[in-house]
Protein backbone atom coordinates (compact mmCIF):
# COMPACT_ATOMS: atom_id res chain seq x y z
CA MET A 1 -84.84 3.34 31.29
CA GLU A 2 -83.88 6.91 31.81
CA ASP A 3 -81.20 5.92 34.31
CA ASN A 4 -79.72 3.52 31.89
CA SER A 5 -79.73 6.07 29.18
CA THR A 6 -78.02 8.61 31.36
CA GLY A 7 -75.43 6.04 32.37
CA ASN A 8 -74.66 5.16 28.81
CA GLN A 9 -74.19 8.88 27.94
CA VAL A 10 -71.75 9.26 30.78
CA LEU A 11 -69.68 6.26 29.67
CA GLU A 12 -69.75 7.59 26.14
CA ASP A 13 -68.60 10.98 27.17
CA ALA A 14 -65.86 9.54 29.37
CA GLY A 15 -64.73 7.33 26.46
CA ASN A 16 -64.57 10.41 24.16
CA GLN A 17 -62.46 12.39 26.74
CA ILE A 18 -60.12 9.48 27.04
CA ARG A 19 -59.68 9.25 23.33
CA GLU A 20 -59.18 12.99 23.02
CA ALA A 21 -56.56 12.86 25.78
CA CYS A 22 -54.65 9.97 24.10
CA GLU A 23 -54.73 11.98 20.79
CA VAL A 24 -53.30 14.93 22.64
CA LEU A 25 -50.61 12.76 24.19
CA GLN A 26 -49.71 11.17 20.84
CA ARG A 27 -49.39 14.62 19.19
CA GLU A 28 -47.30 15.75 22.06
CA ALA A 29 -45.06 12.74 21.80
CA THR A 30 -44.67 13.19 18.06
CA ARG A 31 -43.75 16.91 18.66
CA LEU A 32 -41.13 15.95 21.26
CA ARG A 33 -39.59 13.34 18.92
CA GLN A 34 -39.34 15.86 16.12
CA GLU A 35 -37.81 18.43 18.47
CA GLN A 36 -35.27 15.76 19.68
CA LYS A 37 -34.36 14.99 16.07
CA ALA A 38 -33.80 18.60 15.39
CA ILE A 39 -31.65 19.01 18.40
CA ASP A 40 -29.55 15.88 17.47
CA ALA A 41 -29.13 17.29 13.95
CA MET A 42 -28.02 20.70 15.24
CA SER A 43 -25.63 19.03 17.77
CA LYS A 44 -23.95 17.17 14.89
CA LYS A 45 -23.46 20.50 12.94
CA ILE A 46 -21.92 22.30 15.84
CA GLU A 47 -19.96 19.46 17.57
CA HIS A 48 -16.80 21.12 16.30
CA VAL A 49 -17.52 24.07 18.51
CA HIS A 50 -15.89 23.67 21.96
CA LEU A 51 -16.33 27.05 23.81
CA SER A 52 -15.03 25.54 27.08
CA SER A 53 -11.84 24.01 25.45
CA THR A 54 -10.69 26.52 22.93
CA VAL A 55 -6.91 26.73 22.56
CA ASN A 56 -4.96 29.68 21.15
CA LEU A 57 -1.67 28.89 19.43
CA ASN A 58 1.14 30.99 18.45
CA VAL A 59 3.28 29.05 15.85
CA GLY A 60 6.32 30.95 14.83
CA GLY A 61 4.36 34.25 15.01
CA ARG A 62 1.21 32.92 13.28
CA ARG A 63 -1.99 32.78 15.41
CA PHE A 64 -4.35 29.73 15.29
CA THR A 65 -7.41 29.05 17.30
CA THR A 66 -8.61 25.45 17.70
CA SER A 67 -10.18 22.94 20.07
CA LEU A 68 -8.52 20.74 22.62
CA GLN A 69 -10.26 17.80 20.88
CA THR A 70 -8.55 18.59 17.56
CA LEU A 71 -5.07 18.98 19.07
CA THR A 72 -5.32 15.55 20.87
CA LYS A 73 -6.89 13.72 17.91
CA ASP A 74 -3.71 11.87 17.05
CA PRO A 75 -2.63 10.27 20.35
CA ASP A 76 0.88 9.71 19.15
CA SER A 77 1.66 13.37 18.16
CA ILE A 78 3.59 16.06 19.98
CA LEU A 79 0.50 18.16 20.10
CA ALA A 80 -1.51 15.43 22.02
CA ALA A 81 1.32 15.11 24.44
CA MET A 82 1.49 18.83 25.02
CA PHE A 83 -2.16 19.10 25.89
CA SER A 84 -2.66 15.70 27.50
CA GLY A 85 -2.48 17.28 30.97
CA LYS A 86 0.62 15.16 31.81
CA PHE A 87 2.97 18.08 31.28
CA ASP A 88 2.97 21.56 32.98
CA VAL A 89 2.48 23.49 29.68
CA LYS A 90 1.54 27.09 30.30
CA PRO A 91 0.45 29.79 27.82
CA SER A 92 2.29 33.07 27.31
CA GLU A 93 1.14 36.29 28.94
CA ASP A 94 -1.21 36.89 25.91
CA GLY A 95 -2.93 33.51 26.68
CA ALA A 96 -1.46 31.75 23.58
CA PHE A 97 0.71 28.63 23.66
CA PHE A 98 3.98 29.39 21.80
CA ILE A 99 5.47 26.81 19.50
CA ASP A 100 8.80 27.74 18.02
CA ARG A 101 8.17 26.40 14.43
CA ASP A 102 7.55 27.94 11.17
CA GLY A 103 3.73 28.38 11.10
CA LYS A 104 3.37 28.86 7.31
CA HIS A 105 1.82 25.42 6.75
CA PHE A 106 0.49 24.69 10.15
CA ARG A 107 -3.15 25.14 8.97
CA PHE A 108 -2.77 22.06 6.84
CA ILE A 109 -1.77 20.03 9.87
CA LEU A 110 -4.74 21.39 11.83
CA ASN A 111 -7.17 20.64 9.00
CA TYR A 112 -5.84 17.09 8.84
CA LEU A 113 -6.38 16.66 12.49
CA ARG A 114 -9.92 17.99 12.11
CA THR A 115 -11.01 15.92 9.16
CA GLY A 116 -8.60 13.06 8.87
CA LYS A 117 -7.83 14.11 5.19
CA LEU A 118 -4.83 15.93 3.97
CA THR A 119 -6.08 18.56 1.43
CA LEU A 120 -3.43 20.55 -0.45
CA PRO A 121 -3.74 23.04 -3.31
CA ASP A 122 -3.30 21.58 -6.82
CA GLY A 123 0.39 21.75 -7.73
CA ALA A 124 1.50 22.42 -4.22
CA THR A 125 5.33 22.83 -4.07
CA PHE A 126 5.75 22.76 -0.31
CA ARG A 127 5.26 19.05 0.32
CA LYS A 128 8.70 18.54 1.56
CA GLU A 129 8.42 21.39 3.96
CA LEU A 130 5.09 20.04 5.13
CA ALA A 131 6.58 16.60 5.57
CA GLU A 132 9.29 18.11 7.80
CA GLU A 133 6.67 19.81 10.06
CA ALA A 134 4.66 16.57 10.18
CA GLU A 135 7.73 14.79 11.19
CA PHE A 136 8.43 17.29 13.96
CA TYR A 137 4.74 16.97 15.31
CA GLN A 138 5.01 13.22 14.77
CA ILE A 139 1.83 12.85 12.78
CA GLN A 140 2.35 9.68 10.80
CA GLY A 141 -0.84 10.02 8.74
CA ILE A 142 0.43 13.09 6.93
CA LEU A 143 3.90 11.43 6.38
CA ASP A 144 2.25 8.45 4.90
CA GLU A 145 0.63 10.61 2.28
CA LEU A 146 3.58 12.87 1.61
CA VAL A 147 6.59 10.59 1.63
CA PRO A 148 6.72 8.12 -1.32
CA LYS A 149 7.24 4.53 -0.33
CA ALA A 150 10.25 3.28 -2.40
CA PRO A 151 10.54 -0.54 -2.62
CA LYS A 152 13.15 -1.97 -0.29
CA ASN A 153 14.91 -3.99 -3.02
CA PHE A 154 17.08 -6.24 -0.79
CA GLU A 155 14.30 -7.06 1.66
CA GLU A 156 11.39 -7.21 -0.61
CA SER A 157 12.58 -8.42 -4.00
CA VAL A 158 12.52 -12.11 -3.19
CA ILE A 159 12.02 -15.25 -5.12
CA LEU A 160 10.60 -18.10 -3.07
CA THR A 161 11.35 -21.67 -4.09
CA ASN A 162 9.99 -24.76 -2.53
CA GLU A 163 11.88 -27.97 -3.41
CA GLU A 164 13.32 -30.62 -1.31
CA HIS A 165 15.43 -27.84 0.27
CA ARG A 166 13.38 -24.69 0.92
CA SER A 167 15.40 -21.51 -0.17
CA VAL A 168 14.95 -17.88 -0.28
CA LEU A 169 16.92 -15.99 -2.93
CA SER A 170 16.80 -12.93 -5.24
CA GLY A 171 18.40 -10.56 -7.56
CA GLN A 172 18.47 -6.74 -7.91
CA ASP A 173 19.49 -4.39 -10.67
CA ASP A 174 19.40 -0.62 -10.60
CA PHE A 175 18.85 -0.52 -14.36
CA LEU A 176 21.42 2.34 -14.60
CA LEU A 177 24.76 0.73 -13.91
CA CYS A 178 24.90 -3.12 -14.56
CA THR A 179 28.15 -3.31 -12.63
CA GLN A 180 26.04 -2.53 -9.48
CA SER A 181 23.85 -5.48 -9.96
CA PHE A 182 23.89 -8.38 -7.58
CA VAL A 183 22.00 -11.51 -6.52
CA PHE A 184 21.76 -12.80 -2.99
CA SER A 185 20.68 -15.69 -0.82
CA MET A 186 18.95 -15.33 2.56
CA VAL A 187 18.18 -19.00 3.21
CA ASN A 188 19.77 -21.88 1.41
CA PRO A 189 20.31 -25.70 1.85
CA HIS A 190 23.91 -25.28 2.77
CA ARG A 191 23.30 -23.21 5.78
CA VAL A 192 25.48 -20.36 4.66
CA THR A 193 24.37 -17.12 6.27
CA ALA A 194 22.67 -14.46 4.22
CA CYS A 195 25.13 -13.26 1.51
CA LYS A 196 25.41 -11.04 -1.52
CA LEU A 197 26.86 -12.36 -4.76
CA PRO A 198 28.21 -9.49 -6.79
CA LEU A 199 29.01 -9.41 -10.46
CA VAL A 200 32.42 -10.97 -11.54
CA ASN A 201 34.79 -8.21 -12.58
CA ASP A 202 34.21 -6.83 -16.04
CA GLN A 203 30.92 -8.83 -16.42
CA GLU A 204 28.14 -6.81 -18.05
CA ASP A 205 25.56 -9.49 -18.54
CA ALA A 206 23.77 -8.67 -15.32
CA ILE A 207 20.14 -9.07 -16.17
CA TYR A 208 18.31 -10.42 -19.19
CA CYS A 209 14.91 -8.99 -20.07
CA ASP A 210 12.54 -11.00 -22.38
CA SER A 211 8.71 -11.16 -22.43
CA TYR A 212 8.80 -14.96 -22.91
CA HIS A 213 10.10 -15.84 -19.46
CA GLY A 214 10.51 -14.61 -15.96
CA PRO A 215 13.40 -12.77 -14.30
CA THR A 216 16.84 -13.94 -15.58
CA PHE A 217 20.23 -12.87 -14.12
CA GLY A 218 23.62 -13.43 -15.52
CA GLY A 219 24.84 -14.68 -18.92
CA GLY A 220 24.97 -18.38 -17.84
CA TYR A 221 22.12 -17.97 -17.01
CA ASP A 222 23.14 -17.68 -13.26
CA LEU A 223 19.53 -17.56 -12.33
CA HIS A 224 16.59 -18.19 -14.71
CA VAL A 225 12.82 -18.20 -13.98
CA SER A 226 10.86 -19.89 -16.77
CA ASN A 227 7.29 -19.66 -17.85
CA ASN A 228 4.76 -21.72 -15.73
CA THR A 229 7.57 -21.72 -13.20
CA ASN A 230 5.55 -23.37 -10.45
CA THR A 231 5.05 -26.47 -12.49
CA SER A 232 7.32 -26.68 -15.47
CA GLY A 233 10.52 -27.64 -13.57
CA LYS A 234 12.44 -25.50 -16.18
CA SER A 235 13.78 -22.79 -13.86
CA TYR A 236 17.41 -23.26 -13.09
CA SER A 237 20.46 -21.76 -11.65
CA ASN A 238 24.02 -21.97 -13.06
CA LEU A 239 25.85 -19.68 -10.63
CA GLY A 240 29.38 -18.65 -11.19
CA TYR A 241 29.19 -17.38 -14.80
CA SER A 242 28.36 -13.70 -14.15
CA TYR A 243 27.92 -13.67 -10.39
CA GLN A 244 30.57 -14.57 -7.87
CA LEU A 245 29.91 -17.84 -5.81
CA PRO A 246 30.61 -17.88 -2.07
CA THR A 247 33.85 -19.55 -1.26
CA GLY A 248 33.66 -23.29 -1.54
CA GLN A 249 30.21 -23.38 -3.07
CA GLN A 250 28.98 -24.72 -6.53
CA TYR A 251 26.55 -23.59 -9.19
CA THR A 252 23.63 -25.22 -7.41
CA PHE A 253 24.24 -23.09 -4.25
CA PHE A 254 20.87 -21.54 -4.35
CA THR A 255 18.64 -24.72 -3.97
CA GLY A 256 21.02 -27.69 -3.90
CA ALA A 257 19.74 -28.61 -7.45
CA GLN A 258 20.15 -27.18 -10.79
CA LYS A 259 16.48 -27.19 -11.70
CA PHE A 260 13.60 -26.07 -9.46
CA ASN A 261 10.08 -24.79 -9.32
CA VAL A 262 9.21 -21.34 -8.01
CA THR A 263 6.16 -21.00 -5.89
CA ASP A 264 6.14 -17.17 -5.78
CA TYR A 265 8.24 -14.22 -6.80
CA GLU A 266 7.91 -10.45 -6.86
CA VAL A 267 9.48 -7.87 -9.14
CA PHE A 268 10.11 -4.26 -8.11
CA GLY A 269 11.51 -1.27 -9.84
CA THR A 270 13.22 1.78 -8.20
CA TYR A 271 12.27 5.25 -9.33
CA LYS A 272 14.44 8.22 -8.61
C-alpha cells in the first residue's frame, strides 16, 4: 500500500510540474506575441525612415532631404527615372543632387509623393506655377488636381439617335457670340464624312432655350429634341433654315428622316 501511495504522489508531482511548465510556456508565448505586436506597430510608425537610402536634393538652391522610396513613388515621373539606377546620375561635391528648377514649391511635390494627397494652403495663388513644375516632373496626379478639365465640346457634346439609320450628330454654342454656333454630323446614313454645319450668314437664331423641351438649334427648328424624346417620336430636324447644309443634301441629312427618337444625349457648358 505504501508503494502505491508513493507512486501516486510521484505521478501527481509530475503532473503538477508539467502543468506549471505549460503555464510558463503559455505566458511566454503571450509575452512574445505582445512584443511582436509592439514591434509591428513601431515599424509602421517609422517606415518612412530610410537611413540607408536617404537622398539630398538641391532644387534651384533650396535643400531637401527625402527617401529613395519617395522619389520613385510615381514610376512615370522624371524623379523616378533619375533614381531608378538606369542612368548615371551623380551628386555634386557636397553630396546633393542638383536639379535646375525653382524649388519654391518643390515641398508640395515631395509631400504629394509621400502621401498621395495634394495639400495646399487655403487661397493658394501659386497653382499655375505648381502645375508647371508638376508638368516638368511629369507627375500626372498633381496635374489632374490642378488643371481644370474643360469639356471638349466637339468630341463630347453628342446626341445619339437610333432609327433605321444610326446617326451621331450634335450642336454647340459658346453662349457669347451666336455667330460662332454650329451643328455637326459625325455619322450619318448618307455616308458623308464628319462635317461642321455653320450658321447661315446673318442668322442669329442659333440656339433656343426652353424648359419644356430638350436642346433646340436654329429657327426652323434645324434640330429639335422634344420631351420624352426616346419614345415620343416628336424630335425632328429641318436643316437649312439657320444652319448650312452640306452640298447636295436635304433637310433630313442627319438621320434620313424628318422625325426620330433620341436614345441619349449630353449637354455641356464651357466656363472661361
